[in-house]
PDB file of N, CA and C in Angstrom:
ATOM      1  N   MET A   1      94.895  96.295  93.414  1.00  0.00           N
ATOM      2  CA  MET A   1      94.151  96.963  92.362  1.00  0.00           C
ATOM      3  C   MET A   1      93.612  95.893  91.409  1.00  0.00           C
ATOM      4  N   HIS A   2      92.373  96.043  91.050  1.00  0.00           N
ATOM      5  CA  HIS A   2      91.745  95.069  90.158  1.00  0.00           C
ATOM      6  C   HIS A   2      92.441  95.073  88.791  1.00  0.00           C
ATOM      7  N   PRO A   3      92.686  93.901  88.207  1.00  0.00           N
ATOM      8  CA  PRO A   3      93.382  93.823  86.912  1.00  0.00           C
ATOM      9  C   PRO A   3      92.687  94.611  85.794  1.00  0.00           C
ATOM     10  N   TYR A   4      91.365  94.662  85.810  1.00  0.00           N
ATOM     11  CA  TYR A   4      90.666  95.431  84.771  1.00  0.00           C
ATOM     12  C   TYR A   4      91.013  96.910  84.865  1.00  0.00           C
ATOM     13  N   ILE A   5      91.030  97.450  86.074  1.00  0.00           N
ATOM     14  CA  ILE A   5      91.370  98.868  86.273  1.00  0.00           C
ATOM     15  C   ILE A   5      92.810  99.123  85.843  1.00  0.00           C
ATOM     16  N   LEU A   6      93.717  98.240  86.227  1.00  0.00           N
ATOM     17  CA  LEU A   6      95.117  98.394  85.813  1.00  0.00           C
ATOM     18  C   LEU A   6      95.251  98.405  84.297  1.00  0.00           C
ATOM     19  N   SER A   7      94.538  97.525  83.626  1.00  0.00           N
ATOM     20  CA  SER A   7      94.581  97.460  82.163  1.00  0.00           C
ATOM     21  C   SER A   7      94.032  98.739  81.530  1.00  0.00           C
ATOM     22  N   VAL A   8      92.917  99.219  82.064  1.00  0.00           N
ATOM     23  CA  VAL A   8      92.303 100.453  81.546  1.00  0.00           C
ATOM     24  C   VAL A   8      93.274 101.622  81.687  1.00  0.00           C
ATOM     25  N   LEU A   9      93.894 101.754  82.849  1.00  0.00           N
ATOM     26  CA  LEU A   9      94.805 102.873  83.093  1.00  0.00           C
ATOM     27  C   LEU A   9      96.091 102.734  82.277  1.00  0.00           C
ATOM     28  N   LYS A  10      96.586 101.520  82.121  1.00  0.00           N
ATOM     29  CA  LYS A  10      97.811 101.294  81.347  1.00  0.00           C
ATOM     30  C   LYS A  10      97.599 101.607  79.866  1.00  0.00           C
ATOM     31  N   ASN A  11      96.450 101.174  79.323  1.00  0.00           N
ATOM     32  CA  ASN A  11      96.191 101.329  77.889  1.00  0.00           C
ATOM     33  C   ASN A  11      95.440 102.603  77.532  1.00  0.00           C
ATOM     34  N   SER A  12      94.958 103.324  78.537  1.00  0.00           N
ATOM     35  CA  SER A  12      94.166 104.550  78.330  1.00  0.00           C
ATOM     36  C   SER A  12      92.976 104.318  77.411  1.00  0.00           C
ATOM     37  N   LYS A  13      92.392 103.123  77.531  1.00  0.00           N
ATOM     38  CA  LYS A  13      91.188 102.790  76.765  1.00  0.00           C
ATOM     39  C   LYS A  13      90.206 102.096  77.680  1.00  0.00           C
ATOM     40  N   ILE A  14      88.927 102.379  77.445  1.00  0.00           N
ATOM     41  CA  ILE A  14      87.862 101.803  78.250  1.00  0.00           C
ATOM     42  C   ILE A  14      86.976 100.955  77.353  1.00  0.00           C
ATOM     43  N   SER A  15      86.485  99.866  77.885  1.00  0.00           N
ATOM     44  CA  SER A  15      85.585  99.000  77.127  1.00  0.00           C
ATOM     45  C   SER A  15      84.148  99.465  77.302  1.00  0.00           C
ATOM     46  N   LEU A  16      83.391  99.351  76.227  1.00  0.00           N
ATOM     47  CA  LEU A  16      81.968  99.645  76.261  1.00  0.00           C
ATOM     48  C   LEU A  16      81.209  98.321  76.329  1.00  0.00           C
ATOM     49  N   PRO A  17      79.940  98.358  76.718  1.00  0.00           N
ATOM     50  CA  PRO A  17      79.174  97.111  76.828  1.00  0.00           C
ATOM     51  C   PRO A  17      79.112  96.298  75.535  1.00  0.00           C
ATOM     52  N   ASP A  18      79.224  96.944  74.377  1.00  0.00           N
ATOM     53  CA  ASP A  18      79.162  96.212  73.102  1.00  0.00           C
ATOM     54  C   ASP A  18      80.504  95.588  72.712  1.00  0.00           C
ATOM     55  N   GLY A  19      81.517  95.749  73.566  1.00  0.00           N
ATOM     56  CA  GLY A  19      82.829  95.164  73.307  1.00  0.00           C
ATOM     57  C   GLY A  19      83.815  96.101  72.631  1.00  0.00           C
ATOM     58  N   SER A  20      83.344  97.225  72.133  1.00  0.00           N
ATOM     59  CA  SER A  20      84.252  98.190  71.512  1.00  0.00           C
ATOM     60  C   SER A  20      85.035  98.925  72.593  1.00  0.00           C
ATOM     61  N   LYS A  21      86.081  99.611  72.178  1.00  0.00           N
ATOM     62  CA  LYS A  21      86.906 100.372  73.119  1.00  0.00           C
ATOM     63  C   LYS A  21      86.896 101.831  72.716  1.00  0.00           C
ATOM     64  N   LYS A  22      87.093 102.669  73.726  1.00  0.00           N
ATOM     65  CA  LYS A  22      87.061 104.120  73.541  1.00  0.00           C
ATOM     66  C   LYS A  22      88.224 104.706  74.334  1.00  0.00           C
ATOM     67  N   PRO A  23      88.898 105.730  73.819  1.00  0.00           N
ATOM     68  CA  PRO A  23      89.982 106.359  74.589  1.00  0.00           C
ATOM     69  C   PRO A  23      89.440 107.028  75.850  1.00  0.00           C
ATOM     70  N   LEU A  24      90.197 106.921  76.922  1.00  0.00           N
ATOM     71  CA  LEU A  24      89.842 107.635  78.147  1.00  0.00           C
ATOM     72  C   LEU A  24      90.117 109.115  77.944  1.00  0.00           C
ATOM     73  N   THR A  25      89.192 109.941  78.338  1.00  0.00           N
ATOM     74  CA  THR A  25      89.404 111.393  78.222  1.00  0.00           C
ATOM     75  C   THR A  25      89.283 112.108  79.555  1.00  0.00           C
ATOM     76  N   SER A  26      88.688 111.432  80.528  1.00  0.00           N
ATOM     77  CA  SER A  26      88.613 112.024  81.877  1.00  0.00           C
ATOM     78  C   SER A  26      88.567 110.879  82.879  1.00  0.00           C
ATOM     79  N   ASN A  27      89.569 110.839  83.713  1.00  0.00           N
ATOM     80  CA  ASN A  27      89.658 109.760  84.687  1.00  0.00           C
ATOM     81  C   ASN A  27      90.760 110.067  85.687  1.00  0.00           C
ATOM     82  N   ILE A  28      90.769 109.315  86.774  1.00  0.00           N
ATOM     83  CA  ILE A  28      91.878 109.418  87.708  1.00  0.00           C
ATOM     84  C   ILE A  28      93.057 108.638  87.137  1.00  0.00           C
ATOM     85  N   ASP A  29      94.263 108.981  87.569  1.00  0.00           N
ATOM     86  CA  ASP A  29      95.439 108.246  87.097  1.00  0.00           C
ATOM     87  C   ASP A  29      95.775 107.133  88.090  1.00  0.00           C
ATOM     88  N   LEU A  30      96.821 106.371  87.813  1.00  0.00           N
ATOM     89  CA  LEU A  30      97.173 105.229  88.645  1.00  0.00           C
ATOM     90  C   LEU A  30      97.495 105.633  90.083  1.00  0.00           C
ATOM     91  N   ASP A  31      98.249 106.713  90.272  1.00  0.00           N
ATOM     92  CA  ASP A  31      98.568 107.157  91.634  1.00  0.00           C
ATOM     93  C   ASP A  31      97.303 107.521  92.406  1.00  0.00           C
ATOM     94  N   GLU A  32      96.394 108.208  91.752  1.00  0.00           N
ATOM     95  CA  GLU A  32      95.133 108.583  92.399  1.00  0.00           C
ATOM     96  C   GLU A  32      94.294 107.338  92.696  1.00  0.00           C
ATOM     97  N   ALA A  33      94.299 106.372  91.783  1.00  0.00           N
ATOM     98  CA  ALA A  33      93.556 105.126  91.982  1.00  0.00           C
ATOM     99  C   ALA A  33      94.107 104.362  93.184  1.00  0.00           C
ATOM    100  N   GLU A  34      95.427 104.298  93.290  1.00  0.00           N
ATOM    101  CA  GLU A  34      96.042 103.608  94.426  1.00  0.00           C
ATOM    102  C   GLU A  34      95.725 104.324  95.735  1.00  0.00           C
ATOM    103  N   PHE A  35      95.730 105.640  95.720  1.00  0.00           N
ATOM    104  CA  PHE A  35      95.401 106.417  96.916  1.00  0.00           C
ATOM    105  C   PHE A  35      93.939 106.194  97.311  1.00  0.00           C
ATOM    106  N   LEU A  36      93.051 106.210  96.341  1.00  0.00           N
ATOM    107  CA  LEU A  36      91.631 105.977  96.601  1.00  0.00           C
ATOM    108  C   LEU A  36      91.417 104.579  97.181  1.00  0.00           C
ATOM    109  N   SER A  37      92.086 103.597  96.621  1.00  0.00           N
ATOM    110  CA  SER A  37      91.995 102.229  97.133  1.00  0.00           C
ATOM    111  C   SER A  37      92.495 102.153  98.578  1.00  0.00           C
ATOM    112  N   LEU A  38      93.577 102.846  98.868  1.00  0.00           N
ATOM    113  CA  LEU A  38      94.128 102.873 100.225  1.00  0.00           C
ATOM    114  C   LEU A  38      93.121 103.472 101.208  1.00  0.00           C
ATOM    115  N   ILE A  39      92.492 104.567 100.823  1.00  0.00           N
ATOM    116  CA  ILE A  39      91.494 105.213 101.685  1.00  0.00           C
ATOM    117  C   ILE A  39      90.358 104.246 101.993  1.00  0.00           C
ATOM    118  N   VAL A  40      89.817 103.615 100.958  1.00  0.00           N
ATOM    119  CA  VAL A  40      88.694 102.692 101.153  1.00  0.00           C
ATOM    120  C   VAL A  40      89.118 101.495 101.993  1.00  0.00           C
ATOM    121  N   SER A  41      90.314 100.983 101.755  1.00  0.00           N
ATOM    122  CA  SER A  41      90.781  99.803 102.498  1.00  0.00           C
ATOM    123  C   SER A  41      90.991 100.098 103.982  1.00  0.00           C
ATOM    124  N   GLN A  42      91.209 101.354 104.332  1.00  0.00           N
ATOM    125  CA  GLN A  42      91.425 101.706 105.731  1.00  0.00           C
ATOM    126  C   GLN A  42      90.142 102.018 106.491  1.00  0.00           C
ATOM    127  N   LEU A  43      89.024 102.053 105.797  1.00  0.00           N
ATOM    128  CA  LEU A  43      87.752 102.275 106.486  1.00  0.00           C
ATOM    129  C   LEU A  43      87.422 101.066 107.341  1.00  0.00           C
ATOM    130  N   GLU A  44      86.935 101.321 108.532  1.00  0.00           N
ATOM    131  CA  GLU A  44      86.608 100.217 109.428  1.00  0.00           C
ATOM    132  C   GLU A  44      85.439  99.403 108.882  1.00  0.00           C
ATOM    133  N   THR A  45      84.396 100.092 108.460  1.00  0.00           N
ATOM    134  CA  THR A  45      83.249  99.430 107.845  1.00  0.00           C
ATOM    135  C   THR A  45      82.879 100.178 106.575  1.00  0.00           C
ATOM    136  N   VAL A  46      82.441  99.443 105.618  1.00  0.00           N
ATOM    137  CA  VAL A  46      81.987 100.051 104.372  1.00  0.00           C
ATOM    138  C   VAL A  46      80.887  99.160 103.797  1.00  0.00           C
ATOM    139  N   SER A  47      79.701  99.740 103.657  1.00  0.00           N
ATOM    140  CA  SER A  47      78.596  98.944 103.134  1.00  0.00           C
ATOM    141  C   SER A  47      77.867  99.624 101.978  1.00  0.00           C
ATOM    142  N   LEU A  48      78.027 100.939 101.862  1.00  0.00           N
ATOM    143  CA  LEU A  48      77.320 101.681 100.823  1.00  0.00           C
ATOM    144  C   LEU A  48      78.179 102.835 100.326  1.00  0.00           C
ATOM    145  N   GLY A  49      78.204 103.002  99.018  1.00  0.00           N
ATOM    146  CA  GLY A  49      78.873 104.147  98.411  1.00  0.00           C
ATOM    147  C   GLY A  49      77.903 104.865  97.497  1.00  0.00           C
ATOM    148  N   VAL A  50      77.922 106.185  97.526  1.00  0.00           N
ATOM    149  CA  VAL A  50      77.093 106.997  96.639  1.00  0.00           C
ATOM    150  C   VAL A  50      78.018 107.942  95.909  1.00  0.00           C
ATOM    151  N   GLU A  51      77.908 107.946  94.598  1.00  0.00           N
ATOM    152  CA  GLU A  51      78.820 108.722  93.765  1.00  0.00           C
ATOM    153  C   GLU A  51      78.017 109.579  92.801  1.00  0.00           C
ATOM    154  N   VAL A  52      78.378 110.842  92.695  1.00  0.00           N
ATOM    155  CA  VAL A  52      77.745 111.736  91.730  1.00  0.00           C
ATOM    156  C   VAL A  52      78.724 111.916  90.576  1.00  0.00           C
ATOM    157  N   GLY A  53      78.334 111.439  89.406  1.00  0.00           N
ATOM    158  CA  GLY A  53      79.188 111.491  88.227  1.00  0.00           C
ATOM    159  C   GLY A  53      79.958 110.189  88.067  1.00  0.00           C
ATOM    160  N   LEU A  54      79.508 109.322  87.194  1.00  0.00           N
ATOM    161  CA  LEU A  54      80.136 108.020  87.001  1.00  0.00           C
ATOM    162  C   LEU A  54      81.168 108.042  85.878  1.00  0.00           C
ATOM    163  N   ALA A  55      80.892 108.781  84.826  1.00  0.00           N
ATOM    164  CA  ALA A  55      81.780 108.877  83.652  1.00  0.00           C
ATOM    165  C   ALA A  55      82.214 107.488  83.185  1.00  0.00           C
ATOM    166  N   TYR A  56      83.522 107.232  83.111  1.00  0.00           N
ATOM    167  CA  TYR A  56      84.024 105.937  82.641  1.00  0.00           C
ATOM    168  C   TYR A  56      84.088 104.894  83.754  1.00  0.00           C
ATOM    169  N   GLY A  57      83.823 105.292  84.975  1.00  0.00           N
ATOM    170  CA  GLY A  57      83.734 104.358  86.083  1.00  0.00           C
ATOM    171  C   GLY A  57      85.047 103.921  86.696  1.00  0.00           C
ATOM    172  N   VAL A  58      86.133 104.628  86.406  1.00  0.00           N
ATOM    173  CA  VAL A  58      87.428 104.221  86.955  1.00  0.00           C
ATOM    174  C   VAL A  58      87.423 104.361  88.475  1.00  0.00           C
ATOM    175  N   SER A  59      86.997 105.497  88.979  1.00  0.00           N
ATOM    176  CA  SER A  59      86.920 105.674  90.443  1.00  0.00           C
ATOM    177  C   SER A  59      85.953 104.683  91.051  1.00  0.00           C
ATOM    178  N   ALA A  60      84.791 104.520  90.437  1.00  0.00           N
ATOM    179  CA  ALA A  60      83.805 103.573  90.948  1.00  0.00           C
ATOM    180  C   ALA A  60      84.372 102.160  90.955  1.00  0.00           C
ATOM    181  N   GLY A  61      85.107 101.810  89.912  1.00  0.00           N
ATOM    182  CA  GLY A  61      85.716 100.484  89.855  1.00  0.00           C
ATOM    183  C   GLY A  61      86.702 100.253  90.984  1.00  0.00           C
ATOM    184  N   VAL A  62      87.500 101.260  91.272  1.00  0.00           N
ATOM    185  CA  VAL A  62      88.465 101.164  92.378  1.00  0.00           C
ATOM    186  C   VAL A  62      87.726 101.028  93.704  1.00  0.00           C
ATOM    187  N   ILE A  63      86.751 101.891  93.916  1.00  0.00           N
ATOM    188  CA  ILE A  63      85.991 101.861  95.166  1.00  0.00           C
ATOM    189  C   ILE A  63      85.286 100.520  95.327  1.00  0.00           C
ATOM    190  N   CYS A  64      84.591 100.082  94.294  1.00  0.00           N
ATOM    191  CA  CYS A  64      83.825  98.831  94.377  1.00  0.00           C
ATOM    192  C   CYS A  64      84.717  97.619  94.599  1.00  0.00           C
ATOM    193  N   SER A  65      85.800  97.533  93.858  1.00  0.00           N
ATOM    194  CA  SER A  65      86.656  96.356  93.999  1.00  0.00           C
ATOM    195  C   SER A  65      87.315  96.312  95.378  1.00  0.00           C
ATOM    196  N   THR A  66      87.702  97.457  95.899  1.00  0.00           N
ATOM    197  CA  THR A  66      88.322  97.500  97.223  1.00  0.00           C
ATOM    198  C   THR A  66      87.290  97.260  98.328  1.00  0.00           C
ATOM    199  N   ALA A  67      86.154  97.940  98.235  1.00  0.00           N
ATOM    200  CA  ALA A  67      85.120  97.819  99.271  1.00  0.00           C
ATOM    201  C   ALA A  67      84.531  96.412  99.320  1.00  0.00           C
ATOM    202  N   SER A  68      84.337  95.793  98.174  1.00  0.00           N
ATOM    203  CA  SER A  68      83.728  94.457  98.170  1.00  0.00           C
ATOM    204  C   SER A  68      84.673  93.392  98.725  1.00  0.00           C
ATOM    205  N   GLN A  69      85.974  93.685  98.763  1.00  0.00           N
ATOM    206  CA  GLN A  69      86.909  92.763  99.417  1.00  0.00           C
ATOM    207  C   GLN A  69      86.700  92.783 100.934  1.00  0.00           C
ATOM    208  N   LYS A  70      86.289  93.926 101.455  1.00  0.00           N
ATOM    209  CA  LYS A  70      86.041  94.062 102.896  1.00  0.00           C
ATOM    210  C   LYS A  70      84.638  93.572 103.264  1.00  0.00           C
ATOM    211  N   ASN A  71      83.685  93.788 102.361  1.00  0.00           N
ATOM    212  CA  ASN A  71      82.293  93.457 102.627  1.00  0.00           C
ATOM    213  C   ASN A  71      81.652  92.979 101.329  1.00  0.00           C
ATOM    214  N   HIS A  72      81.344  91.688 101.271  1.00  0.00           N
ATOM    215  CA  HIS A  72      80.758  91.119 100.044  1.00  0.00           C
ATOM    216  C   HIS A  72      79.356  91.654  99.765  1.00  0.00           C
ATOM    217  N   ASN A  73      78.767  92.319 100.732  1.00  0.00           N
ATOM    218  CA  ASN A  73      77.446  92.919 100.541  1.00  0.00           C
ATOM    219  C   ASN A  73      77.518  94.408 100.219  1.00  0.00           C
ATOM    220  N   TYR A  74      78.700  94.906  99.908  1.00  0.00           N
ATOM    221  CA  TYR A  74      78.858  96.323  99.570  1.00  0.00           C
ATOM    222  C   TYR A  74      77.944  96.684  98.403  1.00  0.00           C
ATOM    223  N   TYR A  75      77.296  97.846  98.487  1.00  0.00           N
ATOM    224  CA  TYR A  75      76.356  98.319  97.466  1.00  0.00           C
ATOM    225  C   TYR A  75      76.805  99.707  97.009  1.00  0.00           C
ATOM    226  N   HIS A  76      76.804  99.927  95.705  1.00  0.00           N
ATOM    227  CA  HIS A  76      77.264 101.195  95.146  1.00  0.00           C
ATOM    228  C   HIS A  76      76.144 101.826  94.324  1.00  0.00           C
ATOM    229  N   ILE A  77      75.937 103.113  94.536  1.00  0.00           N
ATOM    230  CA  ILE A  77      74.936 103.885  93.802  1.00  0.00           C
ATOM    231  C   ILE A  77      75.660 105.006  93.064  1.00  0.00           C
ATOM    232  N   ALA A  78      75.298 105.189  91.802  1.00  0.00           N
ATOM    233  CA  ALA A  78      75.865 106.289  91.020  1.00  0.00           C
ATOM    234  C   ALA A  78      74.731 107.117  90.425  1.00  0.00           C
ATOM    235  N   VAL A  79      74.934 108.418  90.423  1.00  0.00           N
ATOM    236  CA  VAL A  79      73.988 109.352  89.820  1.00  0.00           C
ATOM    237  C   VAL A  79      74.722 110.033  88.671  1.00  0.00           C
ATOM    238  N   ASP A  80      74.241 109.805  87.451  1.00  0.00           N
ATOM    239  CA  ASP A  80      74.900 110.389  86.278  1.00  0.00           C
ATOM    240  C   ASP A  80      73.902 110.478  85.126  1.00  0.00           C
ATOM    241  N   PRO A  81      73.393 111.681  84.846  1.00  0.00           N
ATOM    242  CA  PRO A  81      72.395 111.822  83.784  1.00  0.00           C
ATOM    243  C   PRO A  81      72.970 111.625  82.383  1.00  0.00           C
ATOM    244  N   TYR A  82      74.285 111.594  82.257  1.00  0.00           N
ATOM    245  CA  TYR A  82      74.913 111.511  80.941  1.00  0.00           C
ATOM    246  C   TYR A  82      75.590 110.165  80.680  1.00  0.00           C
ATOM    247  N   GLN A  83      75.363 109.189  81.546  1.00  0.00           N
ATOM    248  CA  GLN A  83      76.037 107.904  81.439  1.00  0.00           C
ATOM    249  C   GLN A  83      75.795 107.248  80.079  1.00  0.00           C
ATOM    250  N   GLY A  84      74.563 107.211  79.634  1.00  0.00           N
ATOM    251  CA  GLY A  84      74.262 106.623  78.330  1.00  0.00           C
ATOM    252  C   GLY A  84      74.641 107.529  77.181  1.00  0.00           C
ATOM    253  N   ARG A  85      74.228 108.761  77.248  1.00  0.00           N
ATOM    254  CA  ARG A  85      74.422 109.706  76.141  1.00  0.00           C
ATOM    255  C   ARG A  85      75.883 110.016  75.858  1.00  0.00           C
ATOM    256  N   ASP A  86      76.654 110.315  76.883  1.00  0.00           N
ATOM    257  CA  ASP A  86      78.035 110.757  76.679  1.00  0.00           C
ATOM    258  C   ASP A  86      79.080 109.663  76.871  1.00  0.00           C
ATOM    259  N   TYR A  87      78.736 108.630  77.627  1.00  0.00           N
ATOM    260  CA  TYR A  87      79.756 107.626  77.978  1.00  0.00           C
ATOM    261  C   TYR A  87      79.422 106.221  77.494  1.00  0.00           C
ATOM    262  N   GLY A  88      78.296 106.053  76.799  1.00  0.00           N
ATOM    263  CA  GLY A  88      77.951 104.753  76.243  1.00  0.00           C
ATOM    264  C   GLY A  88      77.862 103.649  77.279  1.00  0.00           C
ATOM    265  N   PHE A  89      77.516 104.013  78.509  1.00  0.00           N
ATOM    266  CA  PHE A  89      77.420 103.091  79.644  1.00  0.00           C
ATOM    267  C   PHE A  89      78.749 102.426  79.983  1.00  0.00           C
ATOM    268  N   ALA A  90      79.853 103.105  79.650  1.00  0.00           N
ATOM    269  CA  ALA A  90      81.189 102.585  79.988  1.00  0.00           C
ATOM    270  C   ALA A  90      81.360 102.461  81.495  1.00  0.00           C
ATOM    271  N   GLY A  91      80.834 103.410  82.253  1.00  0.00           N
ATOM    272  CA  GLY A  91      80.959 103.352  83.712  1.00  0.00           C
ATOM    273  C   GLY A  91      80.245 102.149  84.293  1.00  0.00           C
ATOM    274  N   VAL A  92      79.063 101.867  83.790  1.00  0.00           N
ATOM    275  CA  VAL A  92      78.314 100.692  84.229  1.00  0.00           C
ATOM    276  C   VAL A  92      79.103  99.426  83.892  1.00  0.00           C
ATOM    277  N   HIS A  93      79.658  99.392  82.687  1.00  0.00           N
ATOM    278  CA  HIS A  93      80.464  98.241  82.263  1.00  0.00           C
ATOM    279  C   HIS A  93      81.684  98.056  83.170  1.00  0.00           C
ATOM    280  N   THR A  94      82.338  99.136  83.535  1.00  0.00           N
ATOM    281  CA  THR A  94      83.510  99.053  84.414  1.00  0.00           C
ATOM    282  C   THR A  94      83.137  98.470  85.766  1.00  0.00           C
ATOM    283  N   VAL A  95      82.046  98.941  86.339  1.00  0.00           N
ATOM    284  CA  VAL A  95      81.602  98.436  87.640  1.00  0.00           C
ATOM    285  C   VAL A  95      81.345  96.928  87.558  1.00  0.00           C
ATOM    286  N   LYS A  96      80.709  96.489  86.490  1.00  0.00           N
ATOM    287  CA  LYS A  96      80.455  95.055  86.318  1.00  0.00           C
ATOM    288  C   LYS A  96      81.749  94.292  86.067  1.00  0.00           C
ATOM    289  N   ALA A  97      82.684  94.897  85.329  1.00  0.00           N
ATOM    290  CA  ALA A  97      83.954  94.231  85.001  1.00  0.00           C
ATOM    291  C   ALA A  97      84.808  93.947  86.236  1.00  0.00           C
ATOM    292  N   VAL A  98      84.637  94.751  87.282  1.00  0.00           N
ATOM    293  CA  VAL A  98      85.391  94.492  88.519  1.00  0.00           C
ATOM    294  C   VAL A  98      84.621  93.571  89.457  1.00  0.00           C
ATOM    295  N   GLY A  99      83.484  93.061  89.004  1.00  0.00           N
ATOM    296  CA  GLY A  99      82.734  92.081  89.780  1.00  0.00           C
ATOM    297  C   GLY A  99      81.684  92.636  90.712  1.00  0.00           C
ATOM    298  N   GLN A 100      81.363  93.917  90.593  1.00  0.00           N
ATOM    299  CA  GLN A 100      80.365  94.522  91.477  1.00  0.00           C
ATOM    300  C   GLN A 100      78.974  94.268  90.917  1.00  0.00           C
ATOM    301  N   ASP A 101      78.192  93.444  91.598  1.00  0.00           N
ATOM    302  CA  ASP A 101      76.840  93.170  91.126  1.00  0.00           C
ATOM    303  C   ASP A 101      75.770  93.912  91.914  1.00  0.00           C
ATOM    304  N   LYS A 102      76.154  94.486  93.045  1.00  0.00           N
ATOM    305  CA  LYS A 102      75.209  95.275  93.838  1.00  0.00           C
ATOM    306  C   LYS A 102      75.441  96.746  93.497  1.00  0.00           C
ATOM    307  N   PHE A 103      74.745  97.182  92.450  1.00  0.00           N
ATOM    308  CA  PHE A 103      74.985  98.500  91.873  1.00  0.00           C
ATOM    309  C   PHE A 103      73.684  99.030  91.289  1.00  0.00           C
ATOM    310  N   ARG A 104      73.501 100.331  91.423  1.00  0.00           N
ATOM    311  CA  ARG A 104      72.338 100.972  90.817  1.00  0.00           C
ATOM    312  C   ARG A 104      72.746 102.316  90.246  1.00  0.00           C
ATOM    313  N   LEU A 105      72.342 102.541  89.011  1.00  0.00           N
ATOM    314  CA  LEU A 105      72.577 103.820  88.343  1.00  0.00           C
ATOM    315  C   LEU A 105      71.276 104.590  88.301  1.00  0.00           C
ATOM    316  N   PHE A 106      71.329 105.838  88.738  1.00  0.00           N
ATOM    317  CA  PHE A 106      70.226 106.771  88.555  1.00  0.00           C
ATOM    318  C   PHE A 106      70.667 107.708  87.448  1.00  0.00           C
ATOM    319  N   GLU A 107      70.056 107.570  86.308  1.00  0.00           N
ATOM    320  CA  GLU A 107      70.433 108.394  85.166  1.00  0.00           C
ATOM    321  C   GLU A 107      69.623 109.694  85.200  1.00  0.00           C
ATOM    322  N   GLU A 108      69.868 110.449  86.259  1.00  0.00           N
ATOM    323  CA  GLU A 108      69.184 111.710  86.496  1.00  0.00           C
ATOM    324  C   GLU A 108      70.175 112.718  87.046  1.00  0.00           C
ATOM    325  N   ARG A 109      69.773 113.973  87.024  1.00  0.00           N
ATOM    326  CA  ARG A 109      70.607 115.013  87.619  1.00  0.00           C
ATOM    327  C   ARG A 109      70.600 114.862  89.129  1.00  0.00           C
ATOM    328  N   SER A 110      71.679 115.275  89.754  1.00  0.00           N
ATOM    329  CA  SER A 110      71.787 115.136  91.202  1.00  0.00           C
ATOM    330  C   SER A 110      71.183 116.323  91.956  1.00  0.00           C
ATOM    331  N   ASP A 111      70.736 117.328  91.238  1.00  0.00           N
ATOM    332  CA  ASP A 111      70.216 118.534  91.910  1.00  0.00           C
ATOM    333  C   ASP A 111      68.706 118.668  91.782  1.00  0.00           C
ATOM    334  N   ILE A 112      68.007 117.578  91.503  1.00  0.00           N
ATOM    335  CA  ILE A 112      66.556 117.664  91.376  1.00  0.00           C
ATOM    336  C   ILE A 112      65.900 117.701  92.757  1.00  0.00           C
ATOM    337  N   GLU A 113      64.749 118.323  92.833  1.00  0.00           N
ATOM    338  CA  GLU A 113      64.000 118.334  94.092  1.00  0.00           C
ATOM    339  C   GLU A 113      63.138 117.096  94.138  1.00  0.00           C
ATOM    340  N   ILE A 114      63.204 116.369  95.248  1.00  0.00           N
ATOM    341  CA  ILE A 114      62.436 115.140  95.355  1.00  0.00           C
ATOM    342  C   ILE A 114      61.375 115.218  96.446  1.00  0.00           C
ATOM    343  N   TYR A 115      61.212 116.368  97.026  1.00  0.00           N
ATOM    344  CA  TYR A 115      60.198 116.470  98.081  1.00  0.00           C
ATOM    345  C   TYR A 115      59.140 117.439  97.692  1.00  0.00           C
TER     346      TYR A 115
END
């Protein structure tokens, strides 16, 4: 488990891009994080992840840190229209804090028609 994720879960606080901290109000717990990491680590190949709802980025951080250990070219996409407004880009910060540089946020609803 990435040290940043462990620290976030232990202290129940998340860092924002401006350096301030905010209490966690919705996230997976340590047991769930370890289980998620186990699932990702057992995948034979992993190159792309798509997530709807980034929030504080705890799940994304677990997925990204585990997947990128298997494949340095792992790419993660998140769709979250409220990332800036409700979460102060904490999820984006978490993904970067675990070292994931191949990441894209779509700050849009996931139910829009694109065709």
